[in-house]
PDB file of N, CA and C in Angstrom:
ATOM      1  N   MET A   1      13.785  10.618   6.556  1.00  0.00           N
ATOM      2  CA  MET A   1      14.123   9.718   5.572  1.00  0.00           C
ATOM      3  C   MET A   1      13.099   8.769   5.561  1.00  0.00           C
ATOM      4  N   PRO A   2      12.636   7.532   6.755  1.00  0.00           N
ATOM      5  CA  PRO A   2      11.896   7.142   7.142  1.00  0.00           C
ATOM      6  C   PRO A   2      10.240   7.348   6.502  1.00  0.00           C
ATOM      7  N   ARG A   3       9.830   9.035   6.563  1.00  0.00           N
ATOM      8  CA  ARG A   3       8.664   9.392   6.270  1.00  0.00           C
ATOM      9  C   ARG A   3       8.993   9.285   4.280  1.00  0.00           C
ATOM     10  N   LYS A   4       9.406   9.286   3.971  1.00  0.00           N
ATOM     11  CA  LYS A   4       9.776   9.713   2.700  1.00  0.00           C
ATOM     12  C   LYS A   4       9.618   8.237   2.014  1.00  0.00           C
ATOM     13  N   THR A   5      10.264   7.082   2.571  1.00  0.00           N
ATOM     14  CA  THR A   5      10.369   5.985   1.870  1.00  0.00           C
ATOM     15  C   THR A   5       8.817   5.310   2.486  1.00  0.00           C
ATOM     16  N   ALA A   6       8.514   5.077   3.391  1.00  0.00           N
ATOM     17  CA  ALA A   6       6.959   4.998   3.381  1.00  0.00           C
ATOM     18  C   ALA A   6       6.328   5.021   2.853  1.00  0.00           C
ATOM     19  N   THR A   7       6.034   6.342   2.571  1.00  0.00           N
ATOM     20  CA  THR A   7       5.222   6.927   1.462  1.00  0.00           C
ATOM     21  C   THR A   7       5.025   7.215  -0.163  1.00  0.00           C
ATOM     22  N   ARG A   8       6.789   6.462   0.580  1.00  0.00           N
ATOM     23  CA  ARG A   8       6.822   6.143  -1.396  1.00  0.00           C
ATOM     24  C   ARG A   8       6.013   4.735  -1.637  1.00  0.00           C
ATOM     25  N   SER A   9       6.413   3.830  -0.744  1.00  0.00           N
ATOM     26  CA  SER A   9       5.734   2.676  -0.805  1.00  0.00           C
ATOM     27  C   SER A   9       4.436   2.343  -0.973  1.00  0.00           C
ATOM     28  N   GLN A  10       3.501   3.026  -0.286  1.00  0.00           N
ATOM     29  CA  GLN A  10       2.421   3.340  -0.550  1.00  0.00           C
ATOM     30  C   GLN A  10       2.213   4.274  -1.518  1.00  0.00           C
ATOM     31  N   ASP A  11       2.816   5.426  -1.898  1.00  0.00           N
ATOM     32  CA  ASP A  11       2.732   5.162  -3.643  1.00  0.00           C
ATOM     33  C   ASP A  11       2.453   4.578  -4.331  1.00  0.00           C
ATOM     34  N   ASP A  12       3.228   3.808  -4.266  1.00  0.00           N
ATOM     35  CA  ASP A  12       4.126   2.531  -4.994  1.00  0.00           C
ATOM     36  C   ASP A  12       2.462   1.520  -5.294  1.00  0.00           C
ATOM     37  N   LEU A  13       2.066   1.437  -3.981  1.00  0.00           N
ATOM     38  CA  LEU A  13       1.200   0.217  -4.235  1.00  0.00           C
ATOM     39  C   LEU A  13      -0.447   0.760  -4.443  1.00  0.00           C
ATOM     40  N   LEU A  14      -0.696   2.028  -4.168  1.00  0.00           N
ATOM     41  CA  LEU A  14      -1.728   2.613  -4.753  1.00  0.00           C
ATOM     42  C   LEU A  14      -1.766   2.871  -6.275  1.00  0.00           C
ATOM     43  N   ALA A  15      -0.684   2.686  -7.011  1.00  0.00           N
ATOM     44  CA  ALA A  15      -0.689   3.420  -8.190  1.00  0.00           C
ATOM     45  C   ALA A  15      -0.212   1.854  -9.043  1.00  0.00           C
ATOM     46  N   ASP A  16       0.266   0.448  -8.454  1.00  0.00           N
ATOM     47  CA  ASP A  16      -0.389  -0.362  -8.974  1.00  0.00           C
ATOM     48  C   ASP A  16      -1.207  -0.827  -8.990  1.00  0.00           C
ATOM     49  N   PHE A  17      -2.110  -0.697  -7.908  1.00  0.00           N
ATOM     50  CA  PHE A  17      -3.773  -1.199  -7.924  1.00  0.00           C
ATOM     51  C   PHE A  17      -4.832  -0.347  -8.279  1.00  0.00           C
ATOM     52  N   GLN A  18      -4.056   1.143  -9.162  1.00  0.00           N
ATOM     53  CA  GLN A  18      -4.995   1.924  -9.622  1.00  0.00           C
ATOM     54  C   GLN A  18      -4.264   1.324 -11.429  1.00  0.00           C
ATOM     55  N   THR A  19      -3.423   0.764 -11.543  1.00  0.00           N
ATOM     56  CA  THR A  19      -3.357   0.499 -12.305  1.00  0.00           C
ATOM     57  C   THR A  19      -3.602  -0.721 -13.061  1.00  0.00           C
ATOM     58  N   LEU A  20      -4.370  -1.419 -11.861  1.00  0.00           N
ATOM     59  CA  LEU A  20      -4.559  -2.953 -12.602  1.00  0.00           C
ATOM     60  C   LEU A  20      -6.407  -2.616 -12.777  1.00  0.00           C
ATOM     61  N   VAL A  21      -6.325  -1.789 -11.899  1.00  0.00           N
ATOM     62  CA  VAL A  21      -8.103  -1.433 -11.663  1.00  0.00           C
ATOM     63  C   VAL A  21      -8.181  -0.784 -13.656  1.00  0.00           C
ATOM     64  N   SER A  22      -7.361   0.627 -13.630  1.00  0.00           N
ATOM     65  CA  SER A  22      -8.090   0.756 -15.228  1.00  0.00           C
ATOM     66  C   SER A  22      -7.508  -0.087 -16.437  1.00  0.00           C
ATOM     67  N   ASP A  23      -6.650  -1.295 -16.466  1.00  0.00           N
ATOM     68  CA  ASP A  23      -6.657  -2.179 -16.882  1.00  0.00           C
ATOM     69  C   ASP A  23      -7.557  -3.314 -17.295  1.00  0.00           C
ATOM     70  N   THR A  24      -7.989  -3.658 -15.764  1.00  0.00           N
ATOM     71  CA  THR A  24      -9.273  -4.306 -16.061  1.00  0.00           C
ATOM     72  C   THR A  24     -10.806  -3.878 -16.589  1.00  0.00           C
ATOM     73  N   GLU A  25     -10.814  -2.048 -16.372  1.00  0.00           N
ATOM     74  CA  GLU A  25     -11.792  -1.248 -16.990  1.00  0.00           C
ATOM     75  C   GLU A  25     -11.760  -1.728 -18.990  1.00  0.00           C
ATOM     76  N   LYS A  26     -10.227  -1.175 -19.285  1.00  0.00           N
ATOM     77  CA  LYS A  26     -10.159  -1.166 -21.074  1.00  0.00           C
ATOM     78  C   LYS A  26     -10.278  -2.775 -21.146  1.00  0.00           C
ATOM     79  N   LEU A  27      -9.379  -3.451 -20.231  1.00  0.00           N
ATOM     80  CA  LEU A  27     -10.956  -5.100 -20.793  1.00  0.00           C
ATOM     81  C   LEU A  27     -11.931  -5.169 -20.967  1.00  0.00           C
ATOM     82  N   LEU A  28     -12.494  -4.649 -19.821  1.00  0.00           N
ATOM     83  CA  LEU A  28     -14.127  -4.433 -20.253  1.00  0.00           C
ATOM     84  C   LEU A  28     -14.724  -4.138 -21.403  1.00  0.00           C
ATOM     85  N   GLN A  29     -14.045  -3.026 -21.820  1.00  0.00           N
ATOM     86  CA  GLN A  29     -14.106  -2.386 -22.957  1.00  0.00           C
ATOM     87  C   GLN A  29     -13.607  -2.677 -23.696  1.00  0.00           C
ATOM     88  N   ASP A  30     -12.872  -3.133 -24.252  1.00  0.00           N
ATOM     89  CA  ASP A  30     -12.589  -4.529 -24.900  1.00  0.00           C
ATOM     90  C   ASP A  30     -13.508  -5.294 -25.237  1.00  0.00           C
ATOM     91  N   THR A  31     -14.630  -5.846 -24.502  1.00  0.00           N
ATOM     92  CA  THR A  31     -14.989  -7.224 -24.826  1.00  0.00           C
ATOM     93  C   THR A  31     -16.231  -6.374 -25.295  1.00  0.00           C
ATOM     94  N   ALA A  32     -16.650  -5.382 -25.331  1.00  0.00           N
ATOM     95  CA  ALA A  32     -17.974  -4.675 -25.337  1.00  0.00           C
ATOM     96  C   ALA A  32     -18.276  -5.122 -26.404  1.00  0.00           C
ATOM     97  N   ASN A  33     -17.721  -5.492 -27.405  1.00  0.00           N
ATOM     98  CA  ASN A  33     -18.103  -6.096 -28.900  1.00  0.00           C
ATOM     99  C   ASN A  33     -18.701  -7.788 -28.965  1.00  0.00           C
ATOM    100  N   LEU A  34     -18.117  -8.494 -27.636  1.00  0.00           N
ATOM    101  CA  LEU A  34     -18.936  -9.930 -27.596  1.00  0.00           C
ATOM    102  C   LEU A  34     -20.252  -9.675 -27.223  1.00  0.00           C
ATOM    103  N   ALA A  35     -20.981 -10.577 -27.617  1.00  0.00           N
ATOM    104  CA  ALA A  35     -22.536 -10.156 -27.412  1.00  0.00           C
ATOM    105  C   ALA A  35     -23.073 -11.544 -27.186  1.00  0.00           C
ATOM    106  N   GLY A  36     -24.520 -11.583 -26.598  1.00  0.00           N
ATOM    107  CA  GLY A  36     -24.573 -13.187 -25.606  1.00  0.00           C
ATOM    108  C   GLY A  36     -25.171 -12.359 -24.181  1.00  0.00           C
ATOM    109  N   ASP A  37     -25.978 -13.698 -23.775  1.00  0.00           N
ATOM    110  CA  ASP A  37     -26.652 -12.928 -22.234  1.00  0.00           C
ATOM    111  C   ASP A  37     -25.268 -13.207 -21.204  1.00  0.00           C
ATOM    112  N   GLN A  38     -24.457 -14.111 -21.307  1.00  0.00           N
ATOM    113  CA  GLN A  38     -23.364 -14.785 -20.717  1.00  0.00           C
ATOM    114  C   GLN A  38     -22.019 -13.202 -20.668  1.00  0.00           C
ATOM    115  N   ALA A  39     -21.970 -12.756 -21.655  1.00  0.00           N
ATOM    116  CA  ALA A  39     -21.422 -11.412 -21.859  1.00  0.00           C
ATOM    117  C   ALA A  39     -21.445 -10.552 -21.215  1.00  0.00           C
ATOM    118  N   ASP A  40     -23.132 -10.578 -21.531  1.00  0.00           N
ATOM    119  CA  ASP A  40     -23.254  -9.398 -20.615  1.00  0.00           C
ATOM    120  C   ASP A  40     -23.494  -8.968 -18.951  1.00  0.00           C
ATOM    121  N   GLU A  41     -23.861 -10.241 -18.782  1.00  0.00           N
ATOM    122  CA  GLU A  41     -23.890 -10.501 -17.349  1.00  0.00           C
ATOM    123  C   GLU A  41     -22.082 -10.669 -16.827  1.00  0.00           C
ATOM    124  N   LEU A  42     -21.230 -11.255 -17.471  1.00  0.00           N
ATOM    125  CA  LEU A  42     -19.873 -11.075 -17.625  1.00  0.00           C
ATOM    126  C   LEU A  42     -19.112  -9.490 -16.846  1.00  0.00           C
ATOM    127  N   ARG A  43     -20.113  -8.783 -17.543  1.00  0.00           N
ATOM    128  CA  ARG A  43     -19.590  -7.414 -18.521  1.00  0.00           C
ATOM    129  C   ARG A  43     -20.021  -7.253 -16.735  1.00  0.00           C
ATOM    130  N   LEU A  44     -21.333  -6.704 -16.432  1.00  0.00           N
ATOM    131  CA  LEU A  44     -21.649  -6.427 -15.185  1.00  0.00           C
ATOM    132  C   LEU A  44     -21.379  -6.796 -13.918  1.00  0.00           C
ATOM    133  N   GLN A  45     -20.773  -8.263 -13.956  1.00  0.00           N
ATOM    134  CA  GLN A  45     -19.725  -8.875 -12.992  1.00  0.00           C
ATOM    135  C   GLN A  45     -18.447  -7.487 -13.064  1.00  0.00           C
ATOM    136  N   ILE A  46     -17.960  -8.000 -13.253  1.00  0.00           N
ATOM    137  CA  ILE A  46     -16.330  -6.893 -13.600  1.00  0.00           C
ATOM    138  C   ILE A  46     -17.034  -5.672 -12.936  1.00  0.00           C
ATOM    139  N   ASN A  47     -18.089  -5.171 -13.912  1.00  0.00           N
ATOM    140  CA  ASN A  47     -18.760  -3.477 -13.667  1.00  0.00           C
ATOM    141  C   ASN A  47     -18.033  -3.327 -11.798  1.00  0.00           C
ATOM    142  N   ASP A  48     -19.202  -4.535 -11.230  1.00  0.00           N
ATOM    143  CA  ASP A  48     -19.082  -4.019 -10.144  1.00  0.00           C
ATOM    144  C   ASP A  48     -18.247  -4.181  -9.365  1.00  0.00           C
ATOM    145  N   SER A  49     -17.354  -5.504  -9.887  1.00  0.00           N
ATOM    146  CA  SER A  49     -16.332  -5.221  -8.997  1.00  0.00           C
ATOM    147  C   SER A  49     -15.601  -4.452  -9.273  1.00  0.00           C
ATOM    148  N   LEU A  50     -15.321  -4.093 -10.618  1.00  0.00           N
ATOM    149  CA  LEU A  50     -14.538  -2.446 -10.411  1.00  0.00           C
ATOM    150  C   LEU A  50     -14.950  -1.313  -9.811  1.00  0.00           C
ATOM    151  N   LYS A  51     -15.912  -1.473  -9.224  1.00  0.00           N
ATOM    152  CA  LYS A  51     -17.297  -0.339  -8.733  1.00  0.00           C
ATOM    153  C   LYS A  51     -16.509  -0.244  -7.001  1.00  0.00           C
ATOM    154  N   ARG A  52     -16.531  -1.565  -6.884  1.00  0.00           N
ATOM    155  CA  ARG A  52     -16.297  -1.571  -5.425  1.00  0.00           C
ATOM    156  C   ARG A  52     -14.934  -1.832  -5.074  1.00  0.00           C
ATOM    157  N   ALA A  53     -13.831  -1.769  -5.450  1.00  0.00           N
ATOM    158  CA  ALA A  53     -12.391  -2.207  -5.296  1.00  0.00           C
ATOM    159  C   ALA A  53     -12.041  -1.336  -5.631  1.00  0.00           C
ATOM    160  N   ARG A  54     -12.944   0.467  -6.416  1.00  0.00           N
ATOM    161  CA  ARG A  54     -12.327   1.591  -6.236  1.00  0.00           C
ATOM    162  C   ARG A  54     -12.805   2.327  -5.659  1.00  0.00           C
ATOM    163  N   ASP A  55     -13.851   1.939  -4.723  1.00  0.00           N
ATOM    164  CA  ASP A  55     -13.771   2.455  -3.300  1.00  0.00           C
ATOM    165  C   ASP A  55     -13.635   1.931  -2.156  1.00  0.00           C
ATOM    166  N   THR A  56     -13.056   0.509  -2.231  1.00  0.00           N
ATOM    167  CA  THR A  56     -11.837   0.041  -1.500  1.00  0.00           C
ATOM    168  C   THR A  56     -10.892   0.763  -1.597  1.00  0.00           C
ATOM    169  N   LEU A  57      -9.823   1.040  -2.675  1.00  0.00           N
ATOM    170  CA  LEU A  57      -8.515   1.277  -2.698  1.00  0.00           C
ATOM    171  C   LEU A  57      -8.722   3.660  -2.452  1.00  0.00           C
ATOM    172  N   ARG A  58     -10.096   3.527  -2.290  1.00  0.00           N
ATOM    173  CA  ARG A  58     -10.429   4.954  -1.809  1.00  0.00           C
ATOM    174  C   ARG A  58     -10.006   4.540  -0.140  1.00  0.00           C
ATOM    175  N   ASP A  59     -10.915   4.145   0.061  1.00  0.00           N
ATOM    176  CA  ASP A  59     -10.972   4.158   2.021  1.00  0.00           C
ATOM    177  C   ASP A  59     -10.249   3.398   2.210  1.00  0.00           C
ATOM    178  N   THR A  60      -9.255   2.524   1.241  1.00  0.00           N
ATOM    179  CA  THR A  60      -8.053   2.037   2.486  1.00  0.00           C
ATOM    180  C   THR A  60      -6.359   2.669   1.560  1.00  0.00           C
ATOM    181  N   GLU A  61      -6.473   3.624   0.742  1.00  0.00           N
ATOM    182  CA  GLU A  61      -5.415   4.645   0.843  1.00  0.00           C
ATOM    183  C   GLU A  61      -5.733   6.110   2.053  1.00  0.00           C
ATOM    184  N   GLN A  62      -7.156   6.181   2.186  1.00  0.00           N
ATOM    185  CA  GLN A  62      -7.178   7.686   2.815  1.00  0.00           C
ATOM    186  C   GLN A  62      -6.708   6.693   4.228  1.00  0.00           C
ATOM    187  N   ASN A  63      -7.054   5.539   4.730  1.00  0.00           N
ATOM    188  CA  ASN A  63      -6.541   4.646   5.863  1.00  0.00           C
ATOM    189  C   ASN A  63      -5.278   4.384   6.387  1.00  0.00           C
ATOM    190  N   LEU A  64      -4.182   3.578   5.407  1.00  0.00           N
ATOM    191  CA  LEU A  64      -2.608   4.093   5.433  1.00  0.00           C
ATOM    192  C   LEU A  64      -2.590   5.111   5.590  1.00  0.00           C
ATOM    193  N   ARG A  65      -3.077   6.203   4.646  1.00  0.00           N
ATOM    194  CA  ARG A  65      -1.810   7.163   4.758  1.00  0.00           C
ATOM    195  C   ARG A  65      -1.681   7.856   6.075  1.00  0.00           C
ATOM    196  N   GLU A  66      -3.636   8.197   7.010  1.00  0.00           N
ATOM    197  CA  GLU A  66      -4.055   7.865   8.478  1.00  0.00           C
ATOM    198  C   GLU A  66      -2.546   7.458   9.293  1.00  0.00           C
ATOM    199  N   ARG A  67      -2.566   6.250   9.140  1.00  0.00           N
ATOM    200  CA  ARG A  67      -1.609   4.912   9.855  1.00  0.00           C
ATOM    201  C   ARG A  67      -0.357   5.499  10.671  1.00  0.00           C
ATOM    202  N   GLY A  68       0.234   5.438   8.403  1.00  0.00           N
ATOM    203  CA  GLY A  68       1.396   5.661   8.345  1.00  0.00           C
ATOM    204  C   GLY A  68       2.093   7.035   8.795  1.00  0.00           C
ATOM    205  N   GLN A  69       1.315   8.038   8.693  1.00  0.00           N
ATOM    206  CA  GLN A  69       1.696   9.496   9.672  1.00  0.00           C
ATOM    207  C   GLN A  69       1.303   9.577  10.975  1.00  0.00           C
ATOM    208  N   ALA A  70       0.373   8.511  11.777  1.00  0.00           N
ATOM    209  CA  ALA A  70       0.178   8.182  13.217  1.00  0.00           C
ATOM    210  C   ALA A  70       1.748   7.668  13.612  1.00  0.00           C
ATOM    211  N   ALA A  71       2.066   6.685  12.922  1.00  0.00           N
ATOM    212  CA  ALA A  71       3.291   6.114  13.334  1.00  0.00           C
ATOM    213  C   ALA A  71       4.331   6.490  13.018  1.00  0.00           C
ATOM    214  N   VAL A  72       3.847   7.348  12.345  1.00  0.00           N
ATOM    215  CA  VAL A  72       6.065   8.100  12.132  1.00  0.00           C
ATOM    216  C   VAL A  72       5.822   9.799  13.104  1.00  0.00           C
ATOM    217  N   GLN A  73       4.475   9.971  13.452  1.00  0.00           N
ATOM    218  CA  GLN A  73       4.618  10.347  14.295  1.00  0.00           C
ATOM    219  C   GLN A  73       5.167  10.416  15.699  1.00  0.00           C
ATOM    220  N   ALA A  74       4.231   9.313  16.119  1.00  0.00           N
ATOM    221  CA  ALA A  74       4.538   8.763  17.248  1.00  0.00           C
ATOM    222  C   ALA A  74       5.846   8.465  17.399  1.00  0.00           C
ATOM    223  N   THR A  75       6.911   7.778  16.565  1.00  0.00           N
ATOM    224  CA  THR A  75       8.098   7.921  16.962  1.00  0.00           C
ATOM    225  C   THR A  75       9.172   8.866  16.551  1.00  0.00           C
ATOM    226  N   GLU A  76       8.605  10.167  15.765  1.00  0.00           N
ATOM    227  CA  GLU A  76       9.332  10.981  15.910  1.00  0.00           C
ATOM    228  C   GLU A  76       8.910  11.371  17.145  1.00  0.00           C
ATOM    229  N   GLY A  77       8.007  11.348  18.262  1.00  0.00           N
ATOM    230  CA  GLY A  77       7.535  12.215  19.241  1.00  0.00           C
ATOM    231  C   GLY A  77       8.862  11.142  20.417  1.00  0.00           C
ATOM    232  N   TYR A  78       8.586  10.095  20.155  1.00  0.00           N
ATOM    233  CA  TYR A  78       9.411   9.132  21.369  1.00  0.00           C
ATOM    234  C   TYR A  78      11.213   9.679  20.969  1.00  0.00           C
ATOM    235  N   VAL A  79      11.629   9.106  20.025  1.00  0.00           N
ATOM    236  CA  VAL A  79      12.827   9.437  19.648  1.00  0.00           C
ATOM    237  C   VAL A  79      13.122  11.459  20.316  1.00  0.00           C
ATOM    238  N   GLN A  80      12.504  11.789  19.631  1.00  0.00           N
ATOM    239  CA  GLN A  80      12.637  13.188  20.515  1.00  0.00           C
ATOM    240  C   GLN A  80      12.661  13.146  21.981  1.00  0.00           C
ATOM    241  N   GLU A  81      11.861  12.344  22.803  1.00  0.00           N
ATOM    242  CA  GLU A  81      11.766  12.344  23.723  1.00  0.00           C
ATOM    243  C   GLU A  81      12.767  11.504  25.016  1.00  0.00           C
ATOM    244  N   HIS A  82      13.216  10.883  24.103  1.00  0.00           N
ATOM    245  CA  HIS A  82      14.315  10.104  24.530  1.00  0.00           C
ATOM    246  C   HIS A  82      15.200   9.729  23.917  1.00  0.00           C
ATOM    247  N   PRO A  83      15.838  10.383  23.496  1.00  0.00           N
ATOM    248  CA  PRO A  83      16.680  10.282  22.118  1.00  0.00           C
ATOM    249  C   PRO A  83      18.414   9.289  22.287  1.00  0.00           C
ATOM    250  N   TRP A  84      18.344   9.249  24.343  1.00  0.00           N
ATOM    251  CA  TRP A  84      19.416   8.099  24.239  1.00  0.00           C
ATOM    252  C   TRP A  84      19.073   6.463  23.934  1.00  0.00           C
ATOM    253  N   GLN A  85      17.730   6.320  24.804  1.00  0.00           N
ATOM    254  CA  GLN A  85      17.329   4.859  25.003  1.00  0.00           C
ATOM    255  C   GLN A  85      17.069   4.811  22.873  1.00  0.00           C
ATOM    256  N   SER A  86      16.713   5.672  22.148  1.00  0.00           N
ATOM    257  CA  SER A  86      16.588   5.837  21.291  1.00  0.00           C
ATOM    258  C   SER A  86      18.299   5.143  20.266  1.00  0.00           C
ATOM    259  N   ILE A  87      19.052   5.750  20.579  1.00  0.00           N
ATOM    260  CA  ILE A  87      20.827   4.988  20.110  1.00  0.00           C
ATOM    261  C   ILE A  87      20.874   3.504  20.716  1.00  0.00           C
ATOM    262  N   GLY A  88      20.732   3.666  22.040  1.00  0.00           N
ATOM    263  CA  GLY A  88      21.006   2.102  22.744  1.00  0.00           C
ATOM    264  C   GLY A  88      19.801   1.288  21.679  1.00  0.00           C
ATOM    265  N   ILE A  89      18.563   1.502  21.495  1.00  0.00           N
ATOM    266  CA  ILE A  89      17.734   0.309  20.550  1.00  0.00           C
ATOM    267  C   ILE A  89      18.278   0.374  19.550  1.00  0.00           C
ATOM    268  N   SER A  90      18.448   1.699  19.035  1.00  0.00           N
ATOM    269  CA  SER A  90      18.906   1.227  17.254  1.00  0.00           C
ATOM    270  C   SER A  90      20.352   0.540  17.116  1.00  0.00           C
ATOM    271  N   ALA A  91      21.665   0.603  18.335  1.00  0.00           N
ATOM    272  CA  ALA A  91      22.807   0.134  18.475  1.00  0.00           C
ATOM    273  C   ALA A  91      22.312  -1.110  18.586  1.00  0.00           C
ATOM    274  N   GLY A  92      21.780  -1.786  19.537  1.00  0.00           N
ATOM    275  CA  GLY A  92      21.059  -3.047  20.153  1.00  0.00           C
ATOM    276  C   GLY A  92      20.564  -3.819  18.420  1.00  0.00           C
ATOM    277  N   ILE A  93      19.760  -3.167  17.630  1.00  0.00           N
ATOM    278  CA  ILE A  93      19.381  -3.785  16.665  1.00  0.00           C
ATOM    279  C   ILE A  93      20.626  -4.294  15.430  1.00  0.00           C
ATOM    280  N   GLY A  94      21.330  -3.110  15.758  1.00  0.00           N
ATOM    281  CA  GLY A  94      22.473  -2.394  14.295  1.00  0.00           C
ATOM    282  C   GLY A  94      23.353  -4.544  15.388  1.00  0.00           C
ATOM    283  N   PHE A  95      23.460  -4.917  16.234  1.00  0.00           N
ATOM    284  CA  PHE A  95      24.358  -5.466  16.867  1.00  0.00           C
ATOM    285  C   PHE A  95      24.147  -7.023  16.585  1.00  0.00           C
ATOM    286  N   LEU A  96      22.871  -6.640  16.624  1.00  0.00           N
ATOM    287  CA  LEU A  96      21.731  -8.278  16.281  1.00  0.00           C
ATOM    288  C   LEU A  96      21.734  -8.700  14.837  1.00  0.00           C
ATOM    289  N   LEU A  97      21.536  -7.228  13.697  1.00  0.00           N
ATOM    290  CA  LEU A  97      21.932  -7.837  12.449  1.00  0.00           C
ATOM    291  C   LEU A  97      22.922  -8.292  11.945  1.00  0.00           C
ATOM    292  N   GLY A  98      24.364  -7.720  13.160  1.00  0.00           N
ATOM    293  CA  GLY A  98      25.989  -7.624  12.935  1.00  0.00           C
ATOM    294  C   GLY A  98      25.887  -9.348  12.829  1.00  0.00           C
ATOM    295  N   LEU A  99      24.973  -9.597  14.221  1.00  0.00           N
ATOM    296  CA  LEU A  99      25.295 -11.135  14.329  1.00  0.00           C
ATOM    297  C   LEU A  99      25.193 -12.236  13.566  1.00  0.00           C
ATOM    298  N   LEU A 100      23.518 -12.009  12.739  1.00  0.00           N
ATOM    299  CA  LEU A 100      22.675 -12.450  11.943  1.00  0.00           C
ATOM    300  C   LEU A 100      24.108 -12.870  10.301  1.00  0.00           C
ATOM    301  N   ALA A 101      23.909 -11.767  10.112  1.00  0.00           N
ATOM    302  CA  ALA A 101      24.485 -11.392   9.026  1.00  0.00           C
ATOM    303  C   ALA A 101      25.926 -12.241   8.573  1.00  0.00           C
ATOM    304  N   ALA A 102      26.647 -11.693  10.168  1.00  0.00           N
ATOM    305  CA  ALA A 102      27.670 -12.621  10.065  1.00  0.00           C
ATOM    306  C   ALA A 102      27.740 -14.383   9.935  1.00  0.00           C
ATOM    307  N   ARG A 103      26.760 -15.011  10.674  1.00  0.00           N
ATOM    308  CA  ARG A 103      26.455 -16.665  10.695  1.00  0.00           C
ATOM    309  C   ARG A 103      26.489 -16.526   9.471  1.00  0.00           C
ATOM    310  N   ARG A 104      26.131 -16.508   8.230  1.00  0.00           N
ATOM    311  CA  ARG A 104      25.474 -16.255   6.808  1.00  0.00           C
ATOM    312  C   ARG A 104      26.804 -16.796   6.384  1.00  0.00           C
TER     313      ARG A 104
END
């Protein structure tokens, strides 16, 4: 279950960023009718920014997937090696959350 939730969150974040990039590209295409040196310069700056954003998105996506997968594997390995400690830790965290919720 945690693996699915983490993957879904990563996918949602990446989808939102890709939507932002595509919307910006559409805006850039829509402003192609504008004339003048300032408009051309602005389009070049936006185009460069989009290229950097796409590259960063690609790198970040790969990095997030690798780190998320490593964290999930490490957690699963610990739980399998130490099941009773994991149950104790979970019970303690649940108890503390219950105390905090009861105070409100």
